[in-house]
PDB file of N, CA and C in Angstrom:
ATOM      1  N   MET A   1     135.635  50.321  97.945  1.00  0.00           N
ATOM      2  CA  MET A   1     135.499  49.306  98.295  1.00  0.00           C
ATOM      3  C   MET A   1     135.716  48.224  97.880  1.00  0.00           C
ATOM      4  N   ALA A   2     136.946  47.407  98.667  1.00  0.00           N
ATOM      5  CA  ALA A   2     137.458  46.196  97.999  1.00  0.00           C
ATOM      6  C   ALA A   2     136.288  45.146  97.855  1.00  0.00           C
ATOM      7  N   LYS A   3     136.143  44.380  97.253  1.00  0.00           N
ATOM      8  CA  LYS A   3     135.746  42.876  97.271  1.00  0.00           C
ATOM      9  C   LYS A   3     136.238  41.977  97.754  1.00  0.00           C
ATOM     10  N   ILE A   4     135.519  41.492  99.102  1.00  0.00           N
ATOM     11  CA  ILE A   4     135.992  40.217  99.778  1.00  0.00           C
ATOM     12  C   ILE A   4     135.320  39.170  99.995  1.00  0.00           C
ATOM     13  N   ASN A   5     136.051  38.035 100.029  1.00  0.00           N
ATOM     14  CA  ASN A   5     135.397  36.901  99.771  1.00  0.00           C
ATOM     15  C   ASN A   5     135.307  36.112 100.999  1.00  0.00           C
ATOM     16  N   PHE A   6     134.349  36.687 101.555  1.00  0.00           N
ATOM     17  CA  PHE A   6     133.606  36.271 103.087  1.00  0.00           C
ATOM     18  C   PHE A   6     132.121  36.490 103.049  1.00  0.00           C
ATOM     19  N   LYS A   7     131.476  35.309 103.381  1.00  0.00           N
ATOM     20  CA  LYS A   7     129.770  35.501 103.578  1.00  0.00           C
ATOM     21  C   LYS A   7     129.881  35.214 105.320  1.00  0.00           C
ATOM     22  N   PRO A   8     129.263  36.019 105.873  1.00  0.00           N
ATOM     23  CA  PRO A   8     129.027  35.923 107.429  1.00  0.00           C
ATOM     24  C   PRO A   8     127.736  34.955 107.610  1.00  0.00           C
ATOM     25  N   ASN A   9     127.697  34.431 108.621  1.00  0.00           N
ATOM     26  CA  ASN A   9     126.260  33.375 108.777  1.00  0.00           C
ATOM     27  C   ASN A   9     125.456  34.119 109.451  1.00  0.00           C
ATOM     28  N   GLU A  10     124.338  33.724 109.293  1.00  0.00           N
ATOM     29  CA  GLU A  10     123.050  34.202 109.883  1.00  0.00           C
ATOM     30  C   GLU A  10     122.955  35.580 110.119  1.00  0.00           C
ATOM     31  N   ASP A  11     122.615  36.440 111.106  1.00  0.00           N
ATOM     32  CA  ASP A  11     122.540  37.471 111.274  1.00  0.00           C
ATOM     33  C   ASP A  11     124.135  38.259 111.539  1.00  0.00           C
ATOM     34  N   ARG A  12     125.083  37.940 111.256  1.00  0.00           N
ATOM     35  CA  ARG A  12     126.568  38.383 111.266  1.00  0.00           C
ATOM     36  C   ARG A  12     126.778  39.684 110.412  1.00  0.00           C
ATOM     37  N   VAL A  13     127.277  40.487 110.541  1.00  0.00           N
ATOM     38  CA  VAL A  13     127.719  41.604 109.814  1.00  0.00           C
ATOM     39  C   VAL A  13     129.304  41.797 109.852  1.00  0.00           C
ATOM     40  N   LEU A  14     129.745  41.928 108.558  1.00  0.00           N
ATOM     41  CA  LEU A  14     131.472  42.425 108.676  1.00  0.00           C
ATOM     42  C   LEU A  14     131.382  43.806 108.625  1.00  0.00           C
ATOM     43  N   VAL A  15     132.256  44.304 109.229  1.00  0.00           N
ATOM     44  CA  VAL A  15     132.598  46.073 109.402  1.00  0.00           C
ATOM     45  C   VAL A  15     134.072  46.073 109.649  1.00  0.00           C
ATOM     46  N   GLU A  16     134.067  47.248 108.523  1.00  0.00           N
ATOM     47  CA  GLU A  16     135.353  47.867 108.020  1.00  0.00           C
ATOM     48  C   GLU A  16     135.286  49.133 109.099  1.00  0.00           C
ATOM     49  N   PRO A  17     136.049  49.247 110.546  1.00  0.00           N
ATOM     50  CA  PRO A  17     136.054  50.680 111.035  1.00  0.00           C
ATOM     51  C   PRO A  17     136.356  51.527 110.605  1.00  0.00           C
ATOM     52  N   ALA A  18     135.974  52.658 110.742  1.00  0.00           N
ATOM     53  CA  ALA A  18     136.514  54.003 110.468  1.00  0.00           C
ATOM     54  C   ALA A  18     138.086  54.211 111.236  1.00  0.00           C
ATOM     55  N   PRO A  19     138.887  54.890 110.703  1.00  0.00           N
ATOM     56  CA  PRO A  19     139.941  55.274 111.401  1.00  0.00           C
ATOM     57  C   PRO A  19     139.810  56.064 112.499  1.00  0.00           C
ATOM     58  N   ALA A  20     140.892  55.877 113.237  1.00  0.00           N
ATOM     59  CA  ALA A  20     140.581  56.511 114.674  1.00  0.00           C
ATOM     60  C   ALA A  20     140.749  58.200 114.201  1.00  0.00           C
ATOM     61  N   GLU A  21     140.226  59.132 115.080  1.00  0.00           N
ATOM     62  CA  GLU A  21     140.681  60.716 114.661  1.00  0.00           C
ATOM     63  C   GLU A  21     142.083  60.845 115.064  1.00  0.00           C
ATOM     64  N   ALA A  22     142.934  61.642 114.251  1.00  0.00           N
ATOM     65  CA  ALA A  22     144.277  62.011 114.900  1.00  0.00           C
ATOM     66  C   ALA A  22     144.167  63.377 115.056  1.00  0.00           C
ATOM     67  N   LYS A  23     143.207  63.990 115.188  1.00  0.00           N
ATOM     68  CA  LYS A  23     143.262  65.432 115.348  1.00  0.00           C
ATOM     69  C   LYS A  23     141.588  65.883 116.576  1.00  0.00           C
ATOM     70  N   THR A  24     142.045  66.649 117.090  1.00  0.00           N
ATOM     71  CA  THR A  24     140.681  66.958 117.604  1.00  0.00           C
ATOM     72  C   THR A  24     140.263  68.048 116.946  1.00  0.00           C
ATOM     73  N   ALA A  25     138.807  68.493 117.228  1.00  0.00           N
ATOM     74  CA  ALA A  25     138.288  69.856 116.367  1.00  0.00           C
ATOM     75  C   ALA A  25     139.290  71.082 116.317  1.00  0.00           C
ATOM     76  N   SER A  26     139.898  70.993 117.902  1.00  0.00           N
ATOM     77  CA  SER A  26     140.664  72.415 117.869  1.00  0.00           C
ATOM     78  C   SER A  26     142.187  72.311 117.262  1.00  0.00           C
ATOM     79  N   GLY A  27     142.544  71.278 116.551  1.00  0.00           N
ATOM     80  CA  GLY A  27     143.398  70.929 115.948  1.00  0.00           C
ATOM     81  C   GLY A  27     144.986  70.141 116.659  1.00  0.00           C
ATOM     82  N   ILE A  28     144.403  69.867 117.974  1.00  0.00           N
ATOM     83  CA  ILE A  28     145.378  69.292 118.915  1.00  0.00           C
ATOM     84  C   ILE A  28     145.516  67.451 118.545  1.00  0.00           C
ATOM     85  N   ILE A  29     146.812  67.336 118.093  1.00  0.00           N
ATOM     86  CA  ILE A  29     146.978  65.985 117.588  1.00  0.00           C
ATOM     87  C   ILE A  29     147.106  65.152 118.781  1.00  0.00           C
ATOM     88  N   ILE A  30     146.594  63.852 118.590  1.00  0.00           N
ATOM     89  CA  ILE A  30     146.309  62.944 119.443  1.00  0.00           C
ATOM     90  C   ILE A  30     147.189  61.934 119.499  1.00  0.00           C
ATOM     91  N   PRO A  31     148.118  61.553 120.283  1.00  0.00           N
ATOM     92  CA  PRO A  31     148.934  60.345 120.152  1.00  0.00           C
ATOM     93  C   PRO A  31     148.467  59.244 119.949  1.00  0.00           C
ATOM     94  N   ASP A  32     148.959  58.103 119.560  1.00  0.00           N
ATOM     95  CA  ASP A  32     148.636  56.714 118.933  1.00  0.00           C
ATOM     96  C   ASP A  32     148.180  56.099 120.354  1.00  0.00           C
ATOM     97  N   THR A  33     148.663  56.295 121.377  1.00  0.00           N
ATOM     98  CA  THR A  33     148.509  55.689 122.415  1.00  0.00           C
ATOM     99  C   THR A  33     147.210  55.927 123.287  1.00  0.00           C
ATOM    100  N   ALA A  34     146.822  57.401 122.784  1.00  0.00           N
ATOM    101  CA  ALA A  34     145.343  57.900 123.461  1.00  0.00           C
ATOM    102  C   ALA A  34     143.983  57.927 122.512  1.00  0.00           C
ATOM    103  N   LYS A  35     144.563  57.488 121.453  1.00  0.00           N
ATOM    104  CA  LYS A  35     143.089  57.195 120.536  1.00  0.00           C
ATOM    105  C   LYS A  35     142.408  56.191 120.733  1.00  0.00           C
ATOM    106  N   GLU A  36     140.910  56.539 120.578  1.00  0.00           N
ATOM    107  CA  GLU A  36     139.896  55.677 120.858  1.00  0.00           C
ATOM    108  C   GLU A  36     139.529  54.875 119.979  1.00  0.00           C
ATOM    109  N   LYS A  37     139.056  53.704 119.856  1.00  0.00           N
ATOM    110  CA  LYS A  37     138.295  52.785 119.061  1.00  0.00           C
ATOM    111  C   LYS A  37     137.352  53.496 118.647  1.00  0.00           C
ATOM    112  N   PRO A  38     137.064  53.231 117.146  1.00  0.00           N
ATOM    113  CA  PRO A  38     135.906  54.233 116.387  1.00  0.00           C
ATOM    114  C   PRO A  38     134.726  53.342 116.628  1.00  0.00           C
ATOM    115  N   GLN A  39     133.545  53.888 116.761  1.00  0.00           N
ATOM    116  CA  GLN A  39     132.385  53.704 117.246  1.00  0.00           C
ATOM    117  C   GLN A  39     131.610  53.423 115.880  1.00  0.00           C
ATOM    118  N   LYS A  40     132.156  53.710 114.671  1.00  0.00           N
ATOM    119  CA  LYS A  40     131.493  53.841 113.454  1.00  0.00           C
ATOM    120  C   LYS A  40     132.138  52.926 112.190  1.00  0.00           C
ATOM    121  N   GLY A  41     131.747  52.614 111.105  1.00  0.00           N
ATOM    122  CA  GLY A  41     132.121  51.777 110.174  1.00  0.00           C
ATOM    123  C   GLY A  41     131.561  51.819 109.162  1.00  0.00           C
ATOM    124  N   THR A  42     132.099  50.950 108.002  1.00  0.00           N
ATOM    125  CA  THR A  42     131.004  50.472 106.909  1.00  0.00           C
ATOM    126  C   THR A  42     130.817  48.729 106.487  1.00  0.00           C
ATOM    127  N   VAL A  43     129.421  48.914 106.275  1.00  0.00           N
ATOM    128  CA  VAL A  43     129.148  47.626 106.227  1.00  0.00           C
ATOM    129  C   VAL A  43     129.969  46.931 104.994  1.00  0.00           C
ATOM    130  N   ILE A  44     130.639  46.039 105.043  1.00  0.00           N
ATOM    131  CA  ILE A  44     131.208  45.288 104.021  1.00  0.00           C
ATOM    132  C   ILE A  44     130.746  43.735 103.341  1.00  0.00           C
ATOM    133  N   ALA A  45     130.155  42.931 104.328  1.00  0.00           N
ATOM    134  CA  ALA A  45     129.396  41.947 103.940  1.00  0.00           C
ATOM    135  C   ALA A  45     128.337  41.323 105.248  1.00  0.00           C
ATOM    136  N   VAL A  46     127.197  40.745 104.870  1.00  0.00           N
ATOM    137  CA  VAL A  46     126.161  40.479 105.350  1.00  0.00           C
ATOM    138  C   VAL A  46     125.520  39.162 105.274  1.00  0.00           C
ATOM    139  N   GLY A  47     125.142  38.704 106.738  1.00  0.00           N
ATOM    140  CA  GLY A  47     125.106  37.169 106.547  1.00  0.00           C
ATOM    141  C   GLY A  47     123.121  37.137 105.971  1.00  0.00           C
ATOM    142  N   GLU A  48     122.444  35.941 105.921  1.00  0.00           N
ATOM    143  CA  GLU A  48     121.064  36.071 105.359  1.00  0.00           C
ATOM    144  C   GLU A  48     119.877  36.219 106.370  1.00  0.00           C
ATOM    145  N   GLY A  49     120.547  36.331 107.468  1.00  0.00           N
ATOM    146  CA  GLY A  49     119.725  36.888 108.666  1.00  0.00           C
ATOM    147  C   GLY A  49     119.124  35.651 109.524  1.00  0.00           C
ATOM    148  N   LEU A  50     118.014  35.583 110.010  1.00  0.00           N
ATOM    149  CA  LEU A  50     117.312  34.425 110.889  1.00  0.00           C
ATOM    150  C   LEU A  50     116.167  34.278 110.074  1.00  0.00           C
ATOM    151  N   LYS A  51     115.206  32.890 110.511  1.00  0.00           N
ATOM    152  CA  LYS A  51     113.998  33.245 109.532  1.00  0.00           C
ATOM    153  C   LYS A  51     113.089  34.138 110.427  1.00  0.00           C
ATOM    154  N   ASP A  52     113.168  34.546 111.635  1.00  0.00           N
ATOM    155  CA  ASP A  52     112.035  35.653 111.895  1.00  0.00           C
ATOM    156  C   ASP A  52     112.520  36.826 112.139  1.00  0.00           C
ATOM    157  N   LYS A  53     114.102  37.124 112.050  1.00  0.00           N
ATOM    158  CA  LYS A  53     114.874  38.434 112.170  1.00  0.00           C
ATOM    159  C   LYS A  53     115.666  38.503 111.129  1.00  0.00           C
ATOM    160  N   PRO A  54     115.141  39.373 109.736  1.00  0.00           N
ATOM    161  CA  PRO A  54     116.114  39.533 108.561  1.00  0.00           C
ATOM    162  C   PRO A  54     117.197  40.833 109.411  1.00  0.00           C
ATOM    163  N   VAL A  55     118.183  40.582 108.445  1.00  0.00           N
ATOM    164  CA  VAL A  55     119.412  41.289 108.895  1.00  0.00           C
ATOM    165  C   VAL A  55     118.950  43.045 108.317  1.00  0.00           C
ATOM    166  N   THR A  56     118.758  44.101 109.242  1.00  0.00           N
ATOM    167  CA  THR A  56     118.479  45.505 108.735  1.00  0.00           C
ATOM    168  C   THR A  56     119.595  46.259 107.749  1.00  0.00           C
ATOM    169  N   VAL A  57     120.592  45.849 107.961  1.00  0.00           N
ATOM    170  CA  VAL A  57     121.635  46.976 106.869  1.00  0.00           C
ATOM    171  C   VAL A  57     122.171  46.419 105.824  1.00  0.00           C
ATOM    172  N   LYS A  58     122.812  46.683 104.856  1.00  0.00           N
ATOM    173  CA  LYS A  58     123.042  46.134 103.815  1.00  0.00           C
ATOM    174  C   LYS A  58     124.572  46.882 103.284  1.00  0.00           C
ATOM    175  N   VAL A  59     125.199  46.119 102.215  1.00  0.00           N
ATOM    176  CA  VAL A  59     126.659  46.333 102.117  1.00  0.00           C
ATOM    177  C   VAL A  59     126.891  48.120 101.656  1.00  0.00           C
ATOM    178  N   GLY A  60     127.641  48.548 102.070  1.00  0.00           N
ATOM    179  CA  GLY A  60     128.137  50.156 101.697  1.00  0.00           C
ATOM    180  C   GLY A  60     127.317  50.545 102.910  1.00  0.00           C
ATOM    181  N   ASP A  61     126.381  50.704 104.071  1.00  0.00           N
ATOM    182  CA  ASP A  61     126.042  51.537 104.906  1.00  0.00           C
ATOM    183  C   ASP A  61     126.943  51.666 105.746  1.00  0.00           C
ATOM    184  N   SER A  62     126.791  53.198 106.194  1.00  0.00           N
ATOM    185  CA  SER A  62     127.939  53.669 107.319  1.00  0.00           C
ATOM    186  C   SER A  62     126.735  53.726 108.491  1.00  0.00           C
ATOM    187  N   ILE A  63     127.564  52.749 109.841  1.00  0.00           N
ATOM    188  CA  ILE A  63     126.593  52.325 110.689  1.00  0.00           C
ATOM    189  C   ILE A  63     127.385  52.972 112.378  1.00  0.00           C
ATOM    190  N   LEU A  64     126.615  53.094 113.285  1.00  0.00           N
ATOM    191  CA  LEU A  64     127.313  53.253 114.420  1.00  0.00           C
ATOM    192  C   LEU A  64     127.080  51.970 115.198  1.00  0.00           C
ATOM    193  N   TYR A  65     127.918  51.622 116.370  1.00  0.00           N
ATOM    194  CA  TYR A  65     127.827  50.494 117.056  1.00  0.00           C
ATOM    195  C   TYR A  65     128.437  50.876 118.417  1.00  0.00           C
ATOM    196  N   GLY A  66     128.232  49.576 119.571  1.00  0.00           N
ATOM    197  CA  GLY A  66     128.963  49.927 120.650  1.00  0.00           C
ATOM    198  C   GLY A  66     130.328  49.686 120.512  1.00  0.00           C
ATOM    199  N   LYS A  67     130.834  50.419 121.488  1.00  0.00           N
ATOM    200  CA  LYS A  67     132.238  50.588 121.987  1.00  0.00           C
ATOM    201  C   LYS A  67     133.302  49.159 121.591  1.00  0.00           C
ATOM    202  N   TYR A  68     132.323  48.213 122.528  1.00  0.00           N
ATOM    203  CA  TYR A  68     132.869  46.991 122.788  1.00  0.00           C
ATOM    204  C   TYR A  68     132.515  46.010 121.954  1.00  0.00           C
ATOM    205  N   SER A  69     131.711  46.308 120.701  1.00  0.00           N
ATOM    206  CA  SER A  69     130.809  45.227 119.706  1.00  0.00           C
ATOM    207  C   SER A  69     131.930  44.749 119.118  1.00  0.00           C
ATOM    208  N   GLY A  70     131.480  43.474 118.724  1.00  0.00           N
ATOM    209  CA  GLY A  70     131.988  42.612 117.555  1.00  0.00           C
ATOM    210  C   GLY A  70     133.415  41.926 118.200  1.00  0.00           C
ATOM    211  N   THR A  71     133.927  41.306 117.382  1.00  0.00           N
ATOM    212  CA  THR A  71     135.290  40.348 117.359  1.00  0.00           C
ATOM    213  C   THR A  71     136.289  40.611 116.322  1.00  0.00           C
ATOM    214  N   GLU A  72     137.209  41.238 116.760  1.00  0.00           N
ATOM    215  CA  GLU A  72     138.322  41.706 115.672  1.00  0.00           C
ATOM    216  C   GLU A  72     138.668  40.535 114.713  1.00  0.00           C
ATOM    217  N   ILE A  73     138.766  40.453 113.555  1.00  0.00           N
ATOM    218  CA  ILE A  73     139.648  39.444 112.508  1.00  0.00           C
ATOM    219  C   ILE A  73     140.319  40.172 112.001  1.00  0.00           C
ATOM    220  N   SER A  74     141.100  39.446 111.117  1.00  0.00           N
ATOM    221  CA  SER A  74     141.958  39.701 110.041  1.00  0.00           C
ATOM    222  C   SER A  74     141.894  38.944 108.443  1.00  0.00           C
ATOM    223  N   ILE A  75     141.224  39.944 107.465  1.00  0.00           N
ATOM    224  CA  ILE A  75     141.195  38.887 106.243  1.00  0.00           C
ATOM    225  C   ILE A  75     142.217  39.592 105.390  1.00  0.00           C
ATOM    226  N   ASP A  76     142.929  39.119 104.718  1.00  0.00           N
ATOM    227  CA  ASP A  76     143.994  39.573 103.878  1.00  0.00           C
ATOM    228  C   ASP A  76     144.873  40.370 104.064  1.00  0.00           C
ATOM    229  N   GLY A  77     145.005  40.534 105.475  1.00  0.00           N
ATOM    230  CA  GLY A  77     146.097  41.534 106.101  1.00  0.00           C
ATOM    231  C   GLY A  77     145.050  42.408 106.329  1.00  0.00           C
ATOM    232  N   LYS A  78     144.058  42.851 106.460  1.00  0.00           N
ATOM    233  CA  LYS A  78     142.876  43.809 106.807  1.00  0.00           C
ATOM    234  C   LYS A  78     142.352  43.698 108.103  1.00  0.00           C
ATOM    235  N   GLU A  79     142.424  44.622 108.751  1.00  0.00           N
ATOM    236  CA  GLU A  79     141.439  44.461 110.080  1.00  0.00           C
ATOM    237  C   GLU A  79     139.996  44.847 110.110  1.00  0.00           C
ATOM    238  N   TYR A  80     138.864  43.761 110.602  1.00  0.00           N
ATOM    239  CA  TYR A  80     137.732  43.744 110.209  1.00  0.00           C
ATOM    240  C   TYR A  80     137.269  43.637 111.486  1.00  0.00           C
ATOM    241  N   LEU A  81     135.757  44.189 111.724  1.00  0.00           N
ATOM    242  CA  LEU A  81     134.979  43.402 112.979  1.00  0.00           C
ATOM    243  C   LEU A  81     133.704  42.420 112.267  1.00  0.00           C
ATOM    244  N   ILE A  82     133.453  41.711 112.927  1.00  0.00           N
ATOM    245  CA  ILE A  82     132.255  40.654 112.826  1.00  0.00           C
ATOM    246  C   ILE A  82     131.534  41.406 114.040  1.00  0.00           C
ATOM    247  N   MET A  83     129.989  41.195 113.903  1.00  0.00           N
ATOM    248  CA  MET A  83     129.426  41.292 115.078  1.00  0.00           C
ATOM    249  C   MET A  83     128.025  40.864 114.655  1.00  0.00           C
ATOM    250  N   ARG A  84     126.883  40.974 115.278  1.00  0.00           N
ATOM    251  CA  ARG A  84     125.690  40.584 115.389  1.00  0.00           C
ATOM    252  C   ARG A  84     125.089  41.822 114.910  1.00  0.00           C
ATOM    253  N   ASN A  85     123.799  41.320 114.083  1.00  0.00           N
ATOM    254  CA  ASN A  85     123.230  42.807 113.608  1.00  0.00           C
ATOM    255  C   ASN A  85     122.524  43.530 114.849  1.00  0.00           C
ATOM    256  N   SER A  86     122.203  42.899 116.202  1.00  0.00           N
ATOM    257  CA  SER A  86     121.663  43.372 117.017  1.00  0.00           C
ATOM    258  C   SER A  86     122.706  44.654 117.845  1.00  0.00           C
ATOM    259  N   ASP A  87     123.951  44.030 117.408  1.00  0.00           N
ATOM    260  CA  ASP A  87     124.699  44.973 118.297  1.00  0.00           C
ATOM    261  C   ASP A  87     125.211  46.267 117.234  1.00  0.00           C
ATOM    262  N   ILE A  88     124.183  46.615 116.260  1.00  0.00           N
ATOM    263  CA  ILE A  88     124.152  47.990 115.480  1.00  0.00           C
ATOM    264  C   ILE A  88     123.217  48.795 116.061  1.00  0.00           C
ATOM    265  N   PHE A  89     123.668  50.001 116.354  1.00  0.00           N
ATOM    266  CA  PHE A  89     122.840  51.174 116.804  1.00  0.00           C
ATOM    267  C   PHE A  89     121.912  51.527 115.612  1.00  0.00           C
ATOM    268  N   GLY A  90     122.549  51.947 114.682  1.00  0.00           N
ATOM    269  CA  GLY A  90     121.718  52.460 113.692  1.00  0.00           C
ATOM    270  C   GLY A  90     122.786  52.758 112.191  1.00  0.00           C
ATOM    271  N   ILE A  91     121.964  53.132 111.252  1.00  0.00           N
ATOM    272  CA  ILE A  91     122.547  53.710 109.979  1.00  0.00           C
ATOM    273  C   ILE A  91     122.672  55.194 110.087  1.00  0.00           C
ATOM    274  N   ILE A  92     123.924  55.744 109.505  1.00  0.00           N
ATOM    275  CA  ILE A  92     124.136  56.946 109.530  1.00  0.00           C
ATOM    276  C   ILE A  92     123.601  57.373 108.154  1.00  0.00           C
TER     277      ILE A  92
END
C-alpha cells in the first residue's frame, strides 16, 4: 500500500476500489463495457471523525460500500473514492 499525502476531513474516508472482475466464476471473460463498478475496496486514509460519532474503520481495512457511494477523485494519477463513514456497510 502506497503512502499518500492526503488527510480527509471529519468523518470522510479515502478508499482504493478493488479492480473490477475480468472473468466470471465459470471462466467467461467480461468485456470492459460490461464490467460493473466494484463495491469493495481498501481504506487508504481516514479523517478524525465527528465529536459524537468517531470513524469506525482504520487504514488497511477491506470494506464493502454502496454501488453509488462516494465521489471519484484522482491523486497522483491514481483513482480513489472519498466517502462518508456512514456510506460504508461493513468491514470484510
